[in-house]
Amino acid sequence: MVDWMALIWYGIIITALAFILWYAGIKRCEASMAAIFSGTMPLTAIVLSVLILKEQPVWSQWVGSLMIVTGMILSGQKRL
């Protein structure tokens, strides 16, 4: 019974809620802005794994995170 409840919780409630909120958000912005924010998913995963799970990421994960942030900054700048 616990397995089914976990499946319902994560499969239906959490996943469905995430998609509903994501699509509600991207409906209100440009596609380029939505692409920039999609880059925050792996970055957020690394930060939360350090803060909550006390994991120690390897250097390549930090380099990847830096590349994500740099890409977001460069993508967000207005072109002259």
Protein backbone atom coordinates (compact mmCIF):
# COMPACT_ATOMS: atom_id res chain seq x y z
CA MET A 1 0.00 0.00 0.00
CA VAL A 2 2.86 2.37 0.83
CA ASP A 3 4.40 1.76 -2.60
CA TRP A 4 1.18 2.70 -4.35
CA MET A 5 0.80 5.84 -2.26
CA ALA A 6 4.36 6.87 -3.12
CA LEU A 7 3.67 6.23 -6.80
CA ILE A 8 0.52 8.33 -6.67
CA TRP A 9 2.26 11.10 -4.72
CA TYR A 10 5.34 11.38 -6.94
CA GLY A 11 3.86 10.23 -10.21
CA ILE A 12 0.63 12.13 -10.26
CA ILE A 13 0.69 14.93 -7.74
CA ILE A 14 4.32 16.11 -7.86
CA THR A 15 4.92 15.51 -11.57
CA ALA A 16 1.57 16.87 -12.67
CA LEU A 17 1.92 19.93 -10.46
CA ALA A 18 5.42 20.60 -11.81
CA PHE A 19 4.22 20.42 -15.42
CA ILE A 20 1.18 22.57 -14.74
CA LEU A 21 3.30 25.26 -13.10
CA TRP A 22 6.02 25.05 -15.76
CA TYR A 23 3.59 25.42 -18.66
CA ALA A 24 1.69 28.19 -16.88
CA GLY A 25 4.99 30.04 -16.51
CA ILE A 26 6.30 29.61 -20.05
CA LYS A 27 2.96 30.64 -21.45
CA ARG A 28 3.68 34.12 -20.09
CA CYS A 29 7.22 34.59 -21.45
CA GLU A 30 9.24 34.28 -24.63
CA ALA A 31 10.66 30.95 -25.74
CA SER A 32 14.22 32.20 -25.24
CA MET A 33 13.49 33.09 -21.63
CA ALA A 34 11.93 29.67 -21.03
CA ALA A 35 15.06 28.04 -22.47
CA ILE A 36 17.24 30.07 -20.12
CA PHE A 37 15.21 29.03 -17.10
CA SER A 38 15.29 25.36 -18.13
CA GLY A 39 19.02 25.56 -17.46
CA THR A 40 18.28 26.14 -13.80
CA MET A 41 17.06 22.57 -13.33
CA PRO A 42 20.48 20.86 -13.19
CA LEU A 43 21.93 23.83 -11.32
CA THR A 44 19.18 23.62 -8.71
CA ALA A 45 19.69 19.87 -8.41
CA ILE A 46 23.36 20.34 -7.57
CA VAL A 47 22.73 23.13 -5.07
CA LEU A 48 19.96 21.22 -3.31
CA SER A 49 22.02 18.02 -3.20
CA VAL A 50 24.77 19.95 -1.40
CA LEU A 51 22.44 21.76 0.99
CA ILE A 52 19.95 19.02 1.79
CA LEU A 53 21.77 15.74 1.16
CA LYS A 54 25.22 17.00 2.18
CA GLU A 55 26.76 15.58 -1.01
CA GLN A 56 30.19 16.63 -2.25
CA PRO A 57 30.04 17.40 -5.99
CA VAL A 58 33.15 16.82 -8.07
CA TRP A 59 34.95 19.66 -9.84
CA SER A 60 33.31 18.91 -13.19
CA GLN A 61 29.87 19.54 -11.68
CA TRP A 62 31.02 22.93 -10.41
CA VAL A 63 32.48 23.76 -13.83
CA GLY A 64 29.19 22.74 -15.44
CA SER A 65 27.28 24.91 -12.98
CA LEU A 66 29.52 27.85 -13.80
CA MET A 67 28.89 27.28 -17.50
CA ILE A 68 25.13 27.22 -16.89
CA VAL A 69 25.24 30.52 -14.99
CA THR A 70 27.50 32.08 -17.62
CA GLY A 71 25.16 30.96 -20.38
CA MET A 72 22.17 32.36 -18.55
CA ILE A 73 23.90 35.70 -18.08
CA LEU A 74 25.02 35.89 -21.71
CA SER A 75 21.60 34.84 -22.98
CA GLY A 76 19.87 37.40 -20.81
CA GLN A 77 21.90 40.34 -22.10
CA LYS A 78 20.28 42.55 -24.69
CA ARG A 79 21.96 42.79 -28.03
CA LEU A 80 22.94 46.21 -29.33
